[in-house]
Amino acid sequence: MEDIHKRLGTSKPFIVGGAPRDKLLNKLDKIEDLDITTGDDSVDFLAKELSIELGKTYNVQTKVMNDGHSSIFAGNLKVDFSSNFNVPNIDAILIKMGMQKPTSMQKELFSRDFTCNALLMDLNLETIIDPTHFGFEDIKKRIIKTCLTPEITLTSNKNRVVRAIYLAAKLDFNVAPNIIEWVKANPDSIRISSPSSLTEKLNKAVAYNPEITVKLLDQMDLWDHIPITENLYAHYIQRKGTNAK
């Protein structure tokens, strides 16, 4: 990937998302999923060329997903290339935050879901940088916080509300009070996700940490807005019984 970047003259590729976060948490013991960004459209050229180069030696598959981003599958490894998603009016939002000339990378990273997922790691798997200036601190504090205000971040992608619960359970993190308060005031926001996505993420959250999952569903007052999966049913009945009394 580094060789292709230099040959094509693309913007520098970085690993983004879960891998840099897990590296800081000392949990990066097995890499099966990597997210790559260059902060601009040159990531598309990088994905195409990497697929061609890997295909000369390995059996790889490349898929273009519904949101336009490319994924390369090689054995047990999946490499996702960023869709370069920007939230609506991101320039005006960042300028209001004090960034007079936000770069394409800043626009992409602040458009991501949570600060703990907006770090960049060099392809050497060693150097990690924090362009938003919030990620390092929030990981140290073990807290899930949105990159922008909750009403912007949580409604700009269909799975972000349930993902906050899922990540908190997976990482043993707290969720920022402003997220909890906003979701409680806007419980239908979780239904931006499809029922199948909600079921999948909630099942995984319960598998990781049922106590955190149930606590967040209580705090966000979401029980009447989610599919009650088999492993949540007993908790749901218990709460209904308590409320009836």
C-alpha atoms as a PDB file:
ATOM      1  CA  MET A   1       0.000   0.000   0.000  1.00  0.00           C
ATOM      2  CA  GLU A   2       2.856   2.365   0.850  1.00  0.00           C
ATOM      3  CA  ASP A   3       4.556   1.594  -2.470  1.00  0.00           C
ATOM      4  CA  ILE A   4       1.348   2.221  -4.417  1.00  0.00           C
ATOM      5  CA  HIS A   5       0.769   5.494  -2.573  1.00  0.00           C
ATOM      6  CA  LYS A   6       4.235   6.708  -3.527  1.00  0.00           C
ATOM      7  CA  ARG A   7       3.925   5.517  -7.145  1.00  0.00           C
ATOM      8  CA  LEU A   8       0.500   7.059  -7.721  1.00  0.00           C
ATOM      9  CA  GLY A   9       1.144  10.173  -5.685  1.00  0.00           C
ATOM     10  CA  THR A  10      -1.999   9.708  -3.604  1.00  0.00           C
ATOM     11  CA  SER A  11      -2.460  11.473  -0.314  1.00  0.00           C
ATOM     12  CA  LYS A  12      -0.789   9.550   2.499  1.00  0.00           C
ATOM     13  CA  PRO A  13      -2.856   6.546   3.611  1.00  0.00           C
ATOM     14  CA  PHE A  14      -3.534   5.948   7.283  1.00  0.00           C
ATOM     15  CA  ILE A  15      -5.230   3.251   9.297  1.00  0.00           C
ATOM     16  CA  VAL A  16      -8.291   4.744  10.994  1.00  0.00           C
ATOM     17  CA  GLY A  17     -11.083   3.480  13.229  1.00  0.00           C
ATOM     18  CA  GLY A  18     -10.789   0.528  15.571  1.00  0.00           C
ATOM     19  CA  ALA A  19      -7.158  -0.489  15.046  1.00  0.00           C
ATOM     20  CA  PRO A  20      -5.542   2.743  16.371  1.00  0.00           C
ATOM     21  CA  ARG A  21      -7.963   2.738  19.297  1.00  0.00           C
ATOM     22  CA  ASP A  22      -7.231  -0.892  20.128  1.00  0.00           C
ATOM     23  CA  LYS A  23      -3.491  -0.255  19.803  1.00  0.00           C
ATOM     24  CA  LEU A  24      -3.746   2.390  22.538  1.00  0.00           C
ATOM     25  CA  LEU A  25      -5.823   0.003  24.646  1.00  0.00           C
ATOM     26  CA  ASN A  26      -3.207  -2.744  24.187  1.00  0.00           C
ATOM     27  CA  LYS A  27      -5.836  -4.938  22.528  1.00  0.00           C
ATOM     28  CA  LEU A  28      -4.408  -5.057  19.015  1.00  0.00           C
ATOM     29  CA  ASP A  29      -3.409  -8.702  19.194  1.00  0.00           C
ATOM     30  CA  LYS A  30      -5.178  -9.954  16.067  1.00  0.00           C
ATOM     31  CA  ILE A  31      -5.862  -7.875  12.976  1.00  0.00           C
ATOM     32  CA  GLU A  32      -8.729  -9.057  10.800  1.00  0.00           C
ATOM     33  CA  ASP A  33     -10.289  -5.754   9.782  1.00  0.00           C
ATOM     34  CA  LEU A  34      -8.495  -2.558   8.758  1.00  0.00           C
ATOM     35  CA  ASP A  35     -10.018   0.784   7.775  1.00  0.00           C
ATOM     36  CA  ILE A  36      -7.935   2.956   5.437  1.00  0.00           C
ATOM     37  CA  THR A  37      -8.312   6.646   4.669  1.00  0.00           C
ATOM     38  CA  THR A  38      -6.358   9.244   2.765  1.00  0.00           C
ATOM     39  CA  GLY A  39      -8.817  11.986   3.671  1.00  0.00           C
ATOM     40  CA  ASP A  40      -9.775  12.482   0.024  1.00  0.00           C
ATOM     41  CA  ASP A  41     -10.881  10.725  -3.164  1.00  0.00           C
ATOM     42  CA  SER A  42      -7.394   9.386  -3.888  1.00  0.00           C
ATOM     43  CA  VAL A  43      -8.312   6.514  -1.552  1.00  0.00           C
ATOM     44  CA  ASP A  44     -10.365   5.089  -4.452  1.00  0.00           C
ATOM     45  CA  PHE A  45      -7.290   4.868  -6.701  1.00  0.00           C
ATOM     46  CA  LEU A  46      -5.355   3.295  -3.870  1.00  0.00           C
ATOM     47  CA  ALA A  47      -8.029   0.628  -3.388  1.00  0.00           C
ATOM     48  CA  LYS A  48      -8.169  -0.257  -7.090  1.00  0.00           C
ATOM     49  CA  GLU A  49      -4.416  -0.507  -7.484  1.00  0.00           C
ATOM     50  CA  LEU A  50      -3.960  -2.487  -4.283  1.00  0.00           C
ATOM     51  CA  SER A  51      -6.576  -4.980  -5.447  1.00  0.00           C
ATOM     52  CA  ILE A  52      -4.717  -5.427  -8.732  1.00  0.00           C
ATOM     53  CA  GLU A  53      -1.325  -5.828  -7.065  1.00  0.00           C
ATOM     54  CA  LEU A  54      -2.551  -8.289  -4.436  1.00  0.00           C
ATOM     55  CA  GLY A  55      -4.403 -10.218  -7.113  1.00  0.00           C
ATOM     56  CA  LYS A  56      -1.114 -11.036  -8.824  1.00  0.00           C
ATOM     57  CA  THR A  57      -0.070 -13.169  -5.855  1.00  0.00           C
ATOM     58  CA  TYR A  58      -3.127 -13.827  -3.693  1.00  0.00           C
ATOM     59  CA  ASN A  59      -6.736 -14.840  -4.131  1.00  0.00           C
ATOM     60  CA  VAL A  60      -8.543 -11.582  -3.331  1.00  0.00           C
ATOM     61  CA  GLN A  61     -12.053 -10.285  -3.771  1.00  0.00           C
ATOM     62  CA  THR A  62     -13.007  -6.651  -4.098  1.00  0.00           C
ATOM     63  CA  LYS A  63     -16.509  -5.329  -3.447  1.00  0.00           C
ATOM     64  CA  VAL A  64     -17.964  -1.849  -3.789  1.00  0.00           C
ATOM     65  CA  MET A  65     -20.435  -1.348  -0.952  1.00  0.00           C
ATOM     66  CA  ASN A  66     -23.744   0.534  -1.007  1.00  0.00           C
ATOM     67  CA  ASP A  67     -22.195   3.740   0.346  1.00  0.00           C
ATOM     68  CA  GLY A  68     -19.536   3.699  -2.387  1.00  0.00           C
ATOM     69  CA  HIS A  69     -16.546   2.533  -0.369  1.00  0.00           C
ATOM     70  CA  SER A  70     -14.439  -0.417  -1.510  1.00  0.00           C
ATOM     71  CA  SER A  71     -13.537  -3.482   0.541  1.00  0.00           C
ATOM     72  CA  ILE A  72     -10.777  -5.949  -0.264  1.00  0.00           C
ATOM     73  CA  PHE A  73     -11.009  -9.460   1.160  1.00  0.00           C
ATOM     74  CA  ALA A  74      -7.805 -11.516   1.325  1.00  0.00           C
ATOM     75  CA  GLY A  75      -8.060 -14.703   3.371  1.00  0.00           C
ATOM     76  CA  ASN A  76      -9.211 -13.705   6.858  1.00  0.00           C
ATOM     77  CA  LEU A  77      -8.273 -10.051   6.330  1.00  0.00           C
ATOM     78  CA  LYS A  78     -10.736  -7.369   5.247  1.00  0.00           C
ATOM     79  CA  VAL A  79      -9.468  -3.932   4.250  1.00  0.00           C
ATOM     80  CA  ASP A  80     -12.106  -1.186   4.050  1.00  0.00           C
ATOM     81  CA  PHE A  81     -11.316   2.016   2.176  1.00  0.00           C
ATOM     82  CA  SER A  82     -13.073   5.151   3.368  1.00  0.00           C
ATOM     83  CA  SER A  83     -16.173   6.477   1.608  1.00  0.00           C
ATOM     84  CA  ASN A  84     -14.968  10.014   2.460  1.00  0.00           C
ATOM     85  CA  PHE A  85     -18.315  10.721   4.087  1.00  0.00           C
ATOM     86  CA  ASN A  86     -18.844  14.300   5.276  1.00  0.00           C
ATOM     87  CA  VAL A  87     -21.809  15.365   7.386  1.00  0.00           C
ATOM     88  CA  PRO A  88     -23.956  18.090   5.779  1.00  0.00           C
ATOM     89  CA  ASN A  89     -22.559  21.622   6.231  1.00  0.00           C
ATOM     90  CA  ILE A  90     -19.318  20.256   7.692  1.00  0.00           C
ATOM     91  CA  ASP A  91     -17.323  23.280   6.492  1.00  0.00           C
ATOM     92  CA  ALA A  92     -19.567  25.735   8.323  1.00  0.00           C
ATOM     93  CA  ILE A  93     -19.597  23.526  11.430  1.00  0.00           C
ATOM     94  CA  LEU A  94     -15.802  23.308  11.601  1.00  0.00           C
ATOM     95  CA  ILE A  95     -15.333  26.999  10.868  1.00  0.00           C
ATOM     96  CA  LYS A  96     -17.660  27.748  13.775  1.00  0.00           C
ATOM     97  CA  MET A  97     -15.435  25.479  15.884  1.00  0.00           C
ATOM     98  CA  GLY A  98     -12.430  27.656  15.003  1.00  0.00           C
ATOM     99  CA  MET A  99     -10.999  25.878  11.934  1.00  0.00           C
ATOM    100  CA  GLN A 100     -10.916  28.610   9.316  1.00  0.00           C
ATOM    101  CA  LYS A 101      -9.685  26.364   6.501  1.00  0.00           C
ATOM    102  CA  PRO A 102     -10.570  22.780   7.444  1.00  0.00           C
ATOM    103  CA  THR A 103      -8.685  20.161   5.466  1.00  0.00           C
ATOM    104  CA  SER A 104     -10.388  17.265   3.726  1.00  0.00           C
ATOM    105  CA  MET A 105      -8.959  14.957   6.400  1.00  0.00           C
ATOM    106  CA  GLN A 106     -10.387  17.097   9.209  1.00  0.00           C
ATOM    107  CA  LYS A 107     -13.781  17.110   7.507  1.00  0.00           C
ATOM    108  CA  GLU A 108     -13.775  13.339   7.226  1.00  0.00           C
ATOM    109  CA  LEU A 109     -12.568  12.653  10.757  1.00  0.00           C
ATOM    110  CA  PHE A 110     -15.007  15.039  12.429  1.00  0.00           C
ATOM    111  CA  SER A 111     -17.756  13.401  10.359  1.00  0.00           C
ATOM    112  CA  ARG A 112     -16.958  10.034  11.971  1.00  0.00           C
ATOM    113  CA  ASP A 113     -18.958   8.624  14.851  1.00  0.00           C
ATOM    114  CA  PHE A 114     -16.885   8.826  18.031  1.00  0.00           C
ATOM    115  CA  THR A 115     -13.640  10.469  19.050  1.00  0.00           C
ATOM    116  CA  CYS A 116     -12.106   7.124  20.003  1.00  0.00           C
ATOM    117  CA  ASN A 117     -12.546   6.058  16.366  1.00  0.00           C
ATOM    118  CA  ALA A 118     -11.068   9.206  14.796  1.00  0.00           C
ATOM    119  CA  LEU A 119      -7.376   8.491  15.372  1.00  0.00           C
ATOM    120  CA  LEU A 120      -4.908   7.894  12.544  1.00  0.00           C
ATOM    121  CA  MET A 121      -2.199   5.227  12.654  1.00  0.00           C
ATOM    122  CA  ASP A 122       0.721   4.977  10.261  1.00  0.00           C
ATOM    123  CA  LEU A 123       0.945   1.836   8.144  1.00  0.00           C
ATOM    124  CA  ASN A 124       3.896   0.788  10.330  1.00  0.00           C
ATOM    125  CA  LEU A 125       1.341   0.119  13.115  1.00  0.00           C
ATOM    126  CA  GLU A 126       3.383   2.290  15.474  1.00  0.00           C
ATOM    127  CA  THR A 127       2.791   6.023  15.072  1.00  0.00           C
ATOM    128  CA  ILE A 128      -0.662   7.259  16.122  1.00  0.00           C
ATOM    129  CA  ILE A 129      -1.888  10.839  15.787  1.00  0.00           C
ATOM    130  CA  ASP A 130      -5.035  12.526  17.094  1.00  0.00           C
ATOM    131  CA  PRO A 131      -6.206  15.146  14.555  1.00  0.00           C
ATOM    132  CA  THR A 132      -9.403  15.965  16.477  1.00  0.00           C
ATOM    133  CA  HIS A 133      -7.402  16.471  19.719  1.00  0.00           C
ATOM    134  CA  PHE A 134     -10.083  14.568  21.656  1.00  0.00           C
ATOM    135  CA  GLY A 135      -9.374  10.912  20.950  1.00  0.00           C
ATOM    136  CA  PHE A 136      -6.365  10.333  23.199  1.00  0.00           C
ATOM    137  CA  GLU A 137      -8.022  11.942  26.211  1.00  0.00           C
ATOM    138  CA  ASP A 138     -11.367  10.195  25.728  1.00  0.00           C
ATOM    139  CA  ILE A 139      -9.713   6.790  25.365  1.00  0.00           C
ATOM    140  CA  LYS A 140      -7.713   7.470  28.523  1.00  0.00           C
ATOM    141  CA  LYS A 141     -10.971   8.391  30.287  1.00  0.00           C
ATOM    142  CA  ARG A 142     -12.700   5.373  28.700  1.00  0.00           C
ATOM    143  CA  ILE A 143     -15.645   7.358  27.421  1.00  0.00           C
ATOM    144  CA  ILE A 144     -17.697   7.296  24.213  1.00  0.00           C
ATOM    145  CA  LYS A 145     -18.099  10.840  22.895  1.00  0.00           C
ATOM    146  CA  THR A 146     -19.342  12.096  19.534  1.00  0.00           C
ATOM    147  CA  CYS A 147     -16.977  14.023  17.259  1.00  0.00           C
ATOM    148  CA  LEU A 148     -19.615  16.734  16.794  1.00  0.00           C
ATOM    149  CA  THR A 149     -22.758  17.418  18.811  1.00  0.00           C
ATOM    150  CA  PRO A 150     -24.928  14.314  19.349  1.00  0.00           C
ATOM    151  CA  GLU A 151     -27.820  15.642  17.261  1.00  0.00           C
ATOM    152  CA  ILE A 152     -25.477  15.974  14.255  1.00  0.00           C
ATOM    153  CA  THR A 153     -23.318  12.888  14.679  1.00  0.00           C
ATOM    154  CA  LEU A 154     -26.005  10.435  15.761  1.00  0.00           C
ATOM    155  CA  THR A 155     -28.416  11.274  12.935  1.00  0.00           C
ATOM    156  CA  SER A 156     -25.915  11.404  10.071  1.00  0.00           C
ATOM    157  CA  ASN A 157     -25.501   7.626   9.895  1.00  0.00           C
ATOM    158  CA  LYS A 158     -28.136   4.991  10.493  1.00  0.00           C
ATOM    159  CA  ASN A 159     -26.299   2.860  13.078  1.00  0.00           C
ATOM    160  CA  ARG A 160     -24.662   5.366  15.387  1.00  0.00           C
ATOM    161  CA  VAL A 161     -27.056   5.311  18.347  1.00  0.00           C
ATOM    162  CA  VAL A 162     -26.953   1.549  18.731  1.00  0.00           C
ATOM    163  CA  ARG A 163     -23.229   1.607  17.977  1.00  0.00           C
ATOM    164  CA  ALA A 164     -22.659   3.803  21.042  1.00  0.00           C
ATOM    165  CA  ILE A 165     -24.240   1.081  23.184  1.00  0.00           C
ATOM    166  CA  TYR A 166     -22.351  -1.676  21.368  1.00  0.00           C
ATOM    167  CA  LEU A 167     -18.949   0.020  21.712  1.00  0.00           C
ATOM    168  CA  ALA A 168     -19.490   0.858  25.368  1.00  0.00           C
ATOM    169  CA  ALA A 169     -20.243  -2.803  26.066  1.00  0.00           C
ATOM    170  CA  LYS A 170     -17.363  -4.052  23.931  1.00  0.00           C
ATOM    171  CA  LEU A 171     -14.744  -1.674  25.334  1.00  0.00           C
ATOM    172  CA  ASP A 172     -16.088  -1.331  28.890  1.00  0.00           C
ATOM    173  CA  PHE A 173     -16.431   2.428  28.331  1.00  0.00           C
ATOM    174  CA  ASN A 174     -18.920   4.925  29.707  1.00  0.00           C
ATOM    175  CA  VAL A 175     -21.152   6.909  27.345  1.00  0.00           C
ATOM    176  CA  ALA A 176     -20.988  10.694  27.588  1.00  0.00           C
ATOM    177  CA  PRO A 177     -23.939  12.247  29.450  1.00  0.00           C
ATOM    178  CA  ASN A 178     -24.869  14.486  26.504  1.00  0.00           C
ATOM    179  CA  ILE A 179     -25.325  11.388  24.311  1.00  0.00           C
ATOM    180  CA  ILE A 180     -27.518   9.697  26.919  1.00  0.00           C
ATOM    181  CA  GLU A 181     -29.594  12.847  27.428  1.00  0.00           C
ATOM    182  CA  TRP A 182     -30.058  13.459  23.701  1.00  0.00           C
ATOM    183  CA  VAL A 183     -31.082   9.867  22.945  1.00  0.00           C
ATOM    184  CA  LYS A 184     -33.492   9.835  25.888  1.00  0.00           C
ATOM    185  CA  ALA A 185     -35.124  12.979  24.510  1.00  0.00           C
ATOM    186  CA  ASN A 186     -35.111  11.511  20.976  1.00  0.00           C
ATOM    187  CA  PRO A 187     -35.600   7.749  21.441  1.00  0.00           C
ATOM    188  CA  ASP A 188     -36.852   7.204  17.896  1.00  0.00           C
ATOM    189  CA  SER A 189     -33.332   8.056  16.725  1.00  0.00           C
ATOM    190  CA  ILE A 190     -32.330   4.451  17.366  1.00  0.00           C
ATOM    191  CA  ARG A 191     -34.845   3.369  14.734  1.00  0.00           C
ATOM    192  CA  ILE A 192     -32.780   5.001  12.018  1.00  0.00           C
ATOM    193  CA  SER A 193     -31.085   1.594  12.045  1.00  0.00           C
ATOM    194  CA  SER A 194     -32.825  -1.316  10.369  1.00  0.00           C
ATOM    195  CA  PRO A 195     -34.385  -3.932  12.685  1.00  0.00           C
ATOM    196  CA  SER A 196     -31.788  -6.467  11.545  1.00  0.00           C
ATOM    197  CA  SER A 197     -28.890  -4.118  12.347  1.00  0.00           C
ATOM    198  CA  LEU A 198     -30.397  -3.289  15.732  1.00  0.00           C
ATOM    199  CA  THR A 199     -30.792  -6.964  16.550  1.00  0.00           C
ATOM    200  CA  GLU A 200     -27.247  -7.774  15.474  1.00  0.00           C
ATOM    201  CA  LYS A 201     -25.598  -4.942  17.426  1.00  0.00           C
ATOM    202  CA  LEU A 202     -27.718  -5.451  20.550  1.00  0.00           C
ATOM    203  CA  ASN A 203     -26.962  -9.177  20.584  1.00  0.00           C
ATOM    204  CA  LYS A 204     -23.260  -8.458  20.292  1.00  0.00           C
ATOM    205  CA  ALA A 205     -23.472  -5.801  23.029  1.00  0.00           C
ATOM    206  CA  VAL A 206     -25.171  -8.218  25.412  1.00  0.00           C
ATOM    207  CA  ALA A 207     -22.595 -10.893  24.606  1.00  0.00           C
ATOM    208  CA  TYR A 208     -19.788  -8.491  25.489  1.00  0.00           C
ATOM    209  CA  ASN A 209     -21.332  -6.963  28.612  1.00  0.00           C
ATOM    210  CA  PRO A 210     -25.009  -7.418  29.540  1.00  0.00           C
ATOM    211  CA  GLU A 211     -24.753  -5.092  32.553  1.00  0.00           C
ATOM    212  CA  ILE A 212     -23.545  -2.115  30.520  1.00  0.00           C
ATOM    213  CA  THR A 213     -26.034  -2.841  27.728  1.00  0.00           C
ATOM    214  CA  VAL A 214     -29.024  -3.003  30.059  1.00  0.00           C
ATOM    215  CA  LYS A 215     -27.867   0.045  32.022  1.00  0.00           C
ATOM    216  CA  LEU A 216     -27.648   2.154  28.854  1.00  0.00           C
ATOM    217  CA  LEU A 217     -31.032   0.964  27.604  1.00  0.00           C
ATOM    218  CA  ASP A 218     -32.446   2.021  30.972  1.00  0.00           C
ATOM    219  CA  GLN A 219     -30.699   5.389  30.980  1.00  0.00           C
ATOM    220  CA  MET A 220     -31.706   6.157  27.395  1.00  0.00           C
ATOM    221  CA  ASP A 221     -35.266   4.859  27.968  1.00  0.00           C
ATOM    222  CA  LEU A 222     -35.096   2.712  24.833  1.00  0.00           C
ATOM    223  CA  TRP A 223     -36.894  -0.489  25.788  1.00  0.00           C
ATOM    224  CA  ASP A 224     -40.037   0.386  23.838  1.00  0.00           C
ATOM    225  CA  HIS A 225     -38.016   1.428  20.781  1.00  0.00           C
ATOM    226  CA  ILE A 226     -35.889  -1.659  20.118  1.00  0.00           C
ATOM    227  CA  PRO A 227     -36.498  -5.242  19.018  1.00  0.00           C
ATOM    228  CA  ILE A 228     -36.483  -7.372  22.169  1.00  0.00           C
ATOM    229  CA  THR A 229     -33.965 -10.071  21.347  1.00  0.00           C
ATOM    230  CA  GLU A 230     -33.943 -13.419  23.111  1.00  0.00           C
ATOM    231  CA  ASN A 231     -31.050 -12.450  25.367  1.00  0.00           C
ATOM    232  CA  LEU A 232     -32.767  -9.171  26.315  1.00  0.00           C
ATOM    233  CA  TYR A 233     -36.194 -10.657  26.958  1.00  0.00           C
ATOM    234  CA  ALA A 234     -35.705 -11.472  30.649  1.00  0.00           C
ATOM    235  CA  HIS A 235     -34.417  -7.944  31.335  1.00  0.00           C
ATOM    236  CA  TYR A 236     -37.354  -6.450  29.417  1.00  0.00           C
ATOM    237  CA  ILE A 237     -39.930  -8.482  31.370  1.00  0.00           C
ATOM    238  CA  GLN A 238     -38.249  -7.584  34.657  1.00  0.00           C
ATOM    239  CA  ARG A 239     -38.478  -3.878  33.867  1.00  0.00           C
ATOM    240  CA  LYS A 240     -42.069  -4.109  32.733  1.00  0.00           C
ATOM    241  CA  GLY A 241     -42.946  -5.898  35.967  1.00  0.00           C
ATOM    242  CA  THR A 242     -41.119  -3.305  38.062  1.00  0.00           C
ATOM    243  CA  ASN A 243     -42.903  -0.451  36.266  1.00  0.00           C
ATOM    244  CA  ALA A 244     -46.280  -2.151  36.709  1.00  0.00           C
ATOM    245  CA  LYS A 245     -45.756  -2.321  40.451  1.00  0.00           C
END
